[in-house]
């Protein structure tokens, strides 16, 4: 299935948001996710299905100075 993650195309076999994040190596518990512009909580990722063409945004906290 073709999806877009942070504006980059990816071809994945996963069918849920949680599985897609694992397939792409995005496994930090501190990630925030949005699917097609709507926030998805960590608890709901496992039950959130993906479809062809979905857009996922993944944000991680950054430390800076």
PDB file of N, CA and C in Angstrom:
ATOM      1  N   UNK A   1       0.859  -1.164   0.000  1.00  0.00           N
ATOM      2  CA  UNK A   1       0.000   0.000   0.000  1.00  0.00           C
ATOM      3  C   UNK A   1       0.907   1.230   0.000  1.00  0.00           C
ATOM      4  N   UNK A   2       0.527   2.231  -0.771  1.00  0.00           N
ATOM      5  CA  UNK A   2       1.284   3.474  -0.839  1.00  0.00           C
ATOM      6  C   UNK A   2       0.672   4.502   0.098  1.00  0.00           C
ATOM      7  N   UNK A   3       1.517   5.037   0.992  1.00  0.00           N
ATOM      8  CA  UNK A   3       1.108   6.086   1.912  1.00  0.00           C
ATOM      9  C   UNK A   3       2.179   7.171   1.907  1.00  0.00           C
ATOM     10  N   UNK A   4       1.888   8.285   2.539  1.00  0.00           N
ATOM     11  CA  UNK A   4       2.854   9.364   2.671  1.00  0.00           C
ATOM     12  C   UNK A   4       3.106   9.592   4.152  1.00  0.00           C
ATOM     13  N   UNK A   5       4.378   9.594   4.530  1.00  0.00           N
ATOM     14  CA  UNK A   5       4.763   9.821   5.922  1.00  0.00           C
ATOM     15  C   UNK A   5       5.681  11.035   5.962  1.00  0.00           C
ATOM     16  N   UNK A   6       5.233  12.063   6.653  1.00  0.00           N
ATOM     17  CA  UNK A   6       6.005  13.311   6.737  1.00  0.00           C
ATOM     18  C   UNK A   6       6.442  13.785   5.352  1.00  0.00           C
ATOM     19  N   UNK A   7       5.493  13.796   4.431  1.00  0.00           N
ATOM     20  CA  UNK A   7       5.662  14.298   3.057  1.00  0.00           C
ATOM     21  C   UNK A   7       6.555  13.429   2.174  1.00  0.00           C
ATOM     22  N   UNK A   8       6.876  12.196   2.611  1.00  0.00           N
ATOM     23  CA  UNK A   8       7.675  11.293   1.796  1.00  0.00           C
ATOM     24  C   UNK A   8       6.872  10.035   1.502  1.00  0.00           C
ATOM     25  N   UNK A   9       6.850   9.589   0.246  1.00  0.00           N
ATOM     26  CA  UNK A   9       6.084   8.386  -0.102  1.00  0.00           C
ATOM     27  C   UNK A   9       6.753   7.116   0.436  1.00  0.00           C
ATOM     28  N   UNK A  10       5.924   6.173   0.843  1.00  0.00           N
ATOM     29  CA  UNK A  10       6.391   4.872   1.328  1.00  0.00           C
ATOM     30  C   UNK A  10       5.443   3.799   0.813  1.00  0.00           C
ATOM     31  N   UNK A  11       6.013   2.643   0.502  1.00  0.00           N
ATOM     32  CA  UNK A  11       5.224   1.473   0.127  1.00  0.00           C
ATOM     33  C   UNK A  11       5.352   0.486   1.272  1.00  0.00           C
ATOM     34  N   UNK A  12       4.244   0.203   1.954  1.00  0.00           N
ATOM     35  CA  UNK A  12       4.267  -0.646   3.145  1.00  0.00           C
ATOM     36  C   UNK A  12       3.282  -1.801   3.002  1.00  0.00           C
ATOM     37  N   UNK A  13       3.447  -2.799   3.868  1.00  0.00           N
ATOM     38  CA  UNK A  13       2.502  -3.913   3.881  1.00  0.00           C
ATOM     39  C   UNK A  13       1.543  -3.817   5.066  1.00  0.00           C
ATOM     40  N   UNK A  14       1.851  -2.952   6.030  1.00  0.00           N
ATOM     41  CA  UNK A  14       1.027  -2.800   7.233  1.00  0.00           C
ATOM     42  C   UNK A  14      -0.372  -2.297   6.874  1.00  0.00           C
ATOM     43  N   UNK A  15      -1.343  -2.674   7.710  1.00  0.00           N
ATOM     44  CA  UNK A  15      -2.728  -2.244   7.468  1.00  0.00           C
ATOM     45  C   UNK A  15      -3.288  -1.381   8.594  1.00  0.00           C
ATOM     46  N   UNK A  16      -2.503  -1.195   9.674  1.00  0.00           N
ATOM     47  CA  UNK A  16      -2.924  -0.309  10.764  1.00  0.00           C
ATOM     48  C   UNK A  16      -1.823   0.725  10.997  1.00  0.00           C
ATOM     49  N   UNK A  17      -2.189   1.811  11.651  1.00  0.00           N
ATOM     50  CA  UNK A  17      -1.220   2.859  11.934  1.00  0.00           C
ATOM     51  C   UNK A  17      -0.094   2.333  12.819  1.00  0.00           C
ATOM     52  N   UNK A  18      -0.415   1.585  13.850  1.00  0.00           N
ATOM     53  CA  UNK A  18       0.601   1.038  14.747  1.00  0.00           C
ATOM     54  C   UNK A  18       1.581   0.137  13.992  1.00  0.00           C
ATOM     55  N   UNK A  19       1.064  -0.743  13.159  1.00  0.00           N
ATOM     56  CA  UNK A  19       1.921  -1.653  12.399  1.00  0.00           C
ATOM     57  C   UNK A  19       2.789  -0.885  11.401  1.00  0.00           C
ATOM     58  N   UNK A  20       2.248   0.167  10.806  1.00  0.00           N
ATOM     59  CA  UNK A  20       3.024   0.972   9.861  1.00  0.00           C
ATOM     60  C   UNK A  20       4.185   1.662  10.566  1.00  0.00           C
ATOM     61  N   UNK A  21       3.931   2.203  11.740  1.00  0.00           N
ATOM     62  CA  UNK A  21       5.005   2.861  12.492  1.00  0.00           C
ATOM     63  C   UNK A  21       6.117   1.867  12.813  1.00  0.00           C
ATOM     64  N   UNK A  22       5.738   0.656  13.221  1.00  0.00           N
ATOM     65  CA  UNK A  22       6.751  -0.365  13.509  1.00  0.00           C
ATOM     66  C   UNK A  22       7.499  -0.764  12.238  1.00  0.00           C
ATOM     67  N   UNK A  23       6.789  -0.929  11.148  1.00  0.00           N
ATOM     68  CA  UNK A  23       7.428  -1.302   9.880  1.00  0.00           C
ATOM     69  C   UNK A  23       8.433  -0.245   9.431  1.00  0.00           C
ATOM     70  N   UNK A  24       8.135   1.010   9.718  1.00  0.00           N
ATOM     71  CA  UNK A  24       9.013   2.112   9.322  1.00  0.00           C
ATOM     72  C   UNK A  24      10.080   2.424  10.375  1.00  0.00           C
ATOM     73  N   UNK A  25      10.094   1.671  11.477  1.00  0.00           N
ATOM     74  CA  UNK A  25      11.099   1.863  12.508  1.00  0.00           C
ATOM     75  C   UNK A  25      10.832   3.038  13.431  1.00  0.00           C
ATOM     76  N   UNK A  26       9.593   3.500  13.457  1.00  0.00           N
ATOM     77  CA  UNK A  26       9.208   4.633  14.303  1.00  0.00           C
ATOM     78  C   UNK A  26       8.541   4.092  15.561  1.00  0.00           C
ATOM     79  N   UNK A  27       9.353   3.712  16.543  1.00  0.00           N
ATOM     80  CA  UNK A  27       8.826   2.978  17.687  1.00  0.00           C
ATOM     81  C   UNK A  27       8.935   3.713  19.020  1.00  0.00           C
ATOM     82  N   UNK A  28       9.404   4.933  19.020  1.00  0.00           N
ATOM     83  CA  UNK A  28       9.516   5.676  20.280  1.00  0.00           C
ATOM     84  C   UNK A  28       8.138   5.893  20.896  1.00  0.00           C
ATOM     85  N   UNK A  29       7.999   5.704  22.219  1.00  0.00           N
ATOM     86  CA  UNK A  29       6.706   5.941  22.854  1.00  0.00           C
ATOM     87  C   UNK A  29       6.339   7.423  22.923  1.00  0.00           C
ATOM     88  N   UNK A  30       7.281   8.294  22.617  1.00  0.00           N
ATOM     89  CA  UNK A  30       7.046   9.735  22.726  1.00  0.00           C
ATOM     90  C   UNK A  30       6.542  10.359  21.424  1.00  0.00           C
ATOM     91  N   UNK A  31       6.192   9.562  20.436  1.00  0.00           N
ATOM     92  CA  UNK A  31       5.743  10.096  19.155  1.00  0.00           C
ATOM     93  C   UNK A  31       4.301  10.586  19.214  1.00  0.00           C
ATOM     94  N   UNK A  32       4.038  11.649  18.492  1.00  0.00           N
ATOM     95  CA  UNK A  32       2.666  12.110  18.261  1.00  0.00           C
ATOM     96  C   UNK A  32       2.344  11.807  16.804  1.00  0.00           C
ATOM     97  N   UNK A  33       1.118  11.356  16.543  1.00  0.00           N
ATOM     98  CA  UNK A  33       0.754  10.977  15.174  1.00  0.00           C
ATOM     99  C   UNK A  33      -0.553  11.630  14.740  1.00  0.00           C
ATOM    100  N   UNK A  34      -0.626  11.887  13.437  1.00  0.00           N
ATOM    101  CA  UNK A  34      -1.858  12.373  12.823  1.00  0.00           C
ATOM    102  C   UNK A  34      -2.069  11.585  11.541  1.00  0.00           C
ATOM    103  N   UNK A  35      -3.298  11.241  11.282  1.00  0.00           N
ATOM    104  CA  UNK A  35      -3.672  10.530  10.062  1.00  0.00           C
ATOM    105  C   UNK A  35      -4.619  11.414   9.284  1.00  0.00           C
ATOM    106  N   UNK A  36      -4.191  11.793   8.088  1.00  0.00           N
ATOM    107  CA  UNK A  36      -4.984  12.678   7.223  1.00  0.00           C
ATOM    108  C   UNK A  36      -5.428  13.944   7.956  1.00  0.00           C
ATOM    109  N   UNK A  37      -4.515  14.475   8.775  1.00  0.00           N
ATOM    110  CA  UNK A  37      -4.770  15.731   9.460  1.00  0.00           C
ATOM    111  C   UNK A  37      -5.462  15.635  10.801  1.00  0.00           C
ATOM    112  N   UNK A  38      -5.818  14.428  11.238  1.00  0.00           N
ATOM    113  CA  UNK A  38      -6.491  14.251  12.524  1.00  0.00           C
ATOM    114  C   UNK A  38      -5.583  13.511  13.502  1.00  0.00           C
ATOM    115  N   UNK A  39      -5.443  14.075  14.708  1.00  0.00           N
ATOM    116  CA  UNK A  39      -4.615  13.461  15.743  1.00  0.00           C
ATOM    117  C   UNK A  39      -5.113  12.061  16.064  1.00  0.00           C
ATOM    118  N   UNK A  40      -4.165  11.133  16.246  1.00  0.00           N
ATOM    119  CA  UNK A  40      -4.490   9.762  16.667  1.00  0.00           C
ATOM    120  C   UNK A  40      -3.665   9.464  17.918  1.00  0.00           C
ATOM    121  N   UNK A  41      -4.329   9.181  19.023  1.00  0.00           N
ATOM    122  CA  UNK A  41      -3.622   8.894  20.271  1.00  0.00           C
ATOM    123  C   UNK A  41      -2.890   7.556  20.176  1.00  0.00           C
ATOM    124  N   UNK A  42      -1.898   7.393  21.023  1.00  0.00           N
ATOM    125  CA  UNK A  42      -1.118   6.151  21.046  1.00  0.00           C
ATOM    126  C   UNK A  42      -2.029   4.951  21.266  1.00  0.00           C
ATOM    127  N   UNK A  43      -3.016   5.082  22.141  1.00  0.00           N
ATOM    128  CA  UNK A  43      -3.914   3.968  22.464  1.00  0.00           C
ATOM    129  C   UNK A  43      -4.776   3.546  21.270  1.00  0.00           C
ATOM    130  N   UNK A  44      -5.051   4.451  20.361  1.00  0.00           N
ATOM    131  CA  UNK A  44      -5.931   4.131  19.226  1.00  0.00           C
ATOM    132  C   UNK A  44      -5.181   3.713  17.967  1.00  0.00           C
ATOM    133  N   UNK A  45      -3.862   3.815  17.971  1.00  0.00           N
ATOM    134  CA  UNK A  45      -3.087   3.475  16.762  1.00  0.00           C
ATOM    135  C   UNK A  45      -3.276   2.033  16.323  1.00  0.00           C
ATOM    136  N   UNK A  46      -3.355   1.109  17.289  1.00  0.00           N
ATOM    137  CA  UNK A  46      -3.471  -0.313  16.956  1.00  0.00           C
ATOM    138  C   UNK A  46      -4.793  -0.616  16.255  1.00  0.00           C
ATOM    139  N   UNK A  47      -5.827   0.174  16.511  1.00  0.00           N
ATOM    140  CA  UNK A  47      -7.144  -0.041  15.897  1.00  0.00           C
ATOM    141  C   UNK A  47      -7.438   0.906  14.739  1.00  0.00           C
ATOM    142  N   UNK A  48      -6.449   1.705  14.337  1.00  0.00           N
ATOM    143  CA  UNK A  48      -6.668   2.680  13.270  1.00  0.00           C
ATOM    144  C   UNK A  48      -6.229   2.094  11.935  1.00  0.00           C
ATOM    145  N   UNK A  49      -7.193   1.770  11.060  1.00  0.00           N
ATOM    146  CA  UNK A  49      -6.835   1.161   9.771  1.00  0.00           C
ATOM    147  C   UNK A  49      -6.260   2.193   8.808  1.00  0.00           C
ATOM    148  N   UNK A  50      -5.415   1.716   7.914  1.00  0.00           N
ATOM    149  CA  UNK A  50      -4.857   2.559   6.859  1.00  0.00           C
ATOM    150  C   UNK A  50      -5.463   2.156   5.521  1.00  0.00           C
ATOM    151  N   UNK A  51      -5.556   3.120   4.624  1.00  0.00           N
ATOM    152  CA  UNK A  51      -5.999   2.845   3.263  1.00  0.00           C
ATOM    153  C   UNK A  51      -5.026   3.492   2.292  1.00  0.00           C
ATOM    154  N   UNK A  52      -5.058   3.027   1.085  1.00  0.00           N
ATOM    155  CA  UNK A  52      -4.193   3.541   0.022  1.00  0.00           C
ATOM    156  C   UNK A  52      -4.266   5.068  -0.032  1.00  0.00           C
ATOM    157  N   UNK A  53      -3.091   5.700  -0.058  1.00  0.00           N
ATOM    158  CA  UNK A  53      -3.031   7.154  -0.199  1.00  0.00           C
ATOM    159  C   UNK A  53      -3.110   7.939   1.094  1.00  0.00           C
ATOM    160  N   UNK A  54      -3.222   7.266   2.244  1.00  0.00           N
ATOM    161  CA  UNK A  54      -3.285   7.986   3.518  1.00  0.00           C
ATOM    162  C   UNK A  54      -2.035   8.828   3.736  1.00  0.00           C
ATOM    163  N   UNK A  55      -2.211   9.914   4.485  1.00  0.00           N
ATOM    164  CA  UNK A  55      -1.114  10.802   4.864  1.00  0.00           C
ATOM    165  C   UNK A  55      -0.922  10.731   6.373  1.00  0.00           C
ATOM    166  N   UNK A  56       0.285  10.368   6.786  1.00  0.00           N
ATOM    167  CA  UNK A  56       0.619  10.271   8.201  1.00  0.00           C
ATOM    168  C   UNK A  56       1.668  11.327   8.533  1.00  0.00           C
ATOM    169  N   UNK A  57       1.450  12.009   9.637  1.00  0.00           N
ATOM    170  CA  UNK A  57       2.449  12.939  10.162  1.00  0.00           C
ATOM    171  C   UNK A  57       2.914  12.378  11.489  1.00  0.00           C
ATOM    172  N   UNK A  58       4.226  12.340  11.681  1.00  0.00           N
ATOM    173  CA  UNK A  58       4.810  11.822  12.909  1.00  0.00           C
ATOM    174  C   UNK A  58       5.713  12.909  13.483  1.00  0.00           C
ATOM    175  N   UNK A  59       5.478  13.264  14.730  1.00  0.00           N
ATOM    176  CA  UNK A  59       6.279  14.281  15.405  1.00  0.00           C
ATOM    177  C   UNK A  59       6.912  13.688  16.647  1.00  0.00           C
ATOM    178  N   UNK A  60       8.168  14.027  16.884  1.00  0.00           N
ATOM    179  CA  UNK A  60       8.881  13.569  18.077  1.00  0.00           C
ATOM    180  C   UNK A  60       9.411  14.790  18.819  1.00  0.00           C
ATOM    181  N   UNK A  61       9.400  14.752  20.145  1.00  0.00           N
ATOM    182  CA  UNK A  61       9.955  15.870  20.902  1.00  0.00           C
ATOM    183  C   UNK A  61      11.466  15.984  20.660  1.00  0.00           C
ATOM    184  N   UNK A  62      11.945  17.218  20.656  1.00  0.00           N
ATOM    185  CA  UNK A  62      13.374  17.459  20.440  1.00  0.00           C
ATOM    186  C   UNK A  62      13.897  18.332  21.573  1.00  0.00           C
ATOM    187  N   UNK A  63      15.102  18.029  21.993  1.00  0.00           N
ATOM    188  CA  UNK A  63      15.747  18.875  22.992  1.00  0.00           C
ATOM    189  C   UNK A  63      16.629  19.876  22.271  1.00  0.00           C
ATOM    190  N   UNK A  64      16.713  21.016  22.809  1.00  0.00           N
ATOM    191  CA  UNK A  64      17.548  22.024  22.174  1.00  0.00           C
ATOM    192  C   UNK A  64      18.044  23.022  23.197  1.00  0.00           C
ATOM    193  N   UNK A  65      18.791  23.936  22.722  1.00  0.00           N
ATOM    194  CA  UNK A  65      19.330  24.888  23.662  1.00  0.00           C
ATOM    195  C   UNK A  65      19.553  26.153  23.047  1.00  0.00           C
TER     196      UNK A  65
END
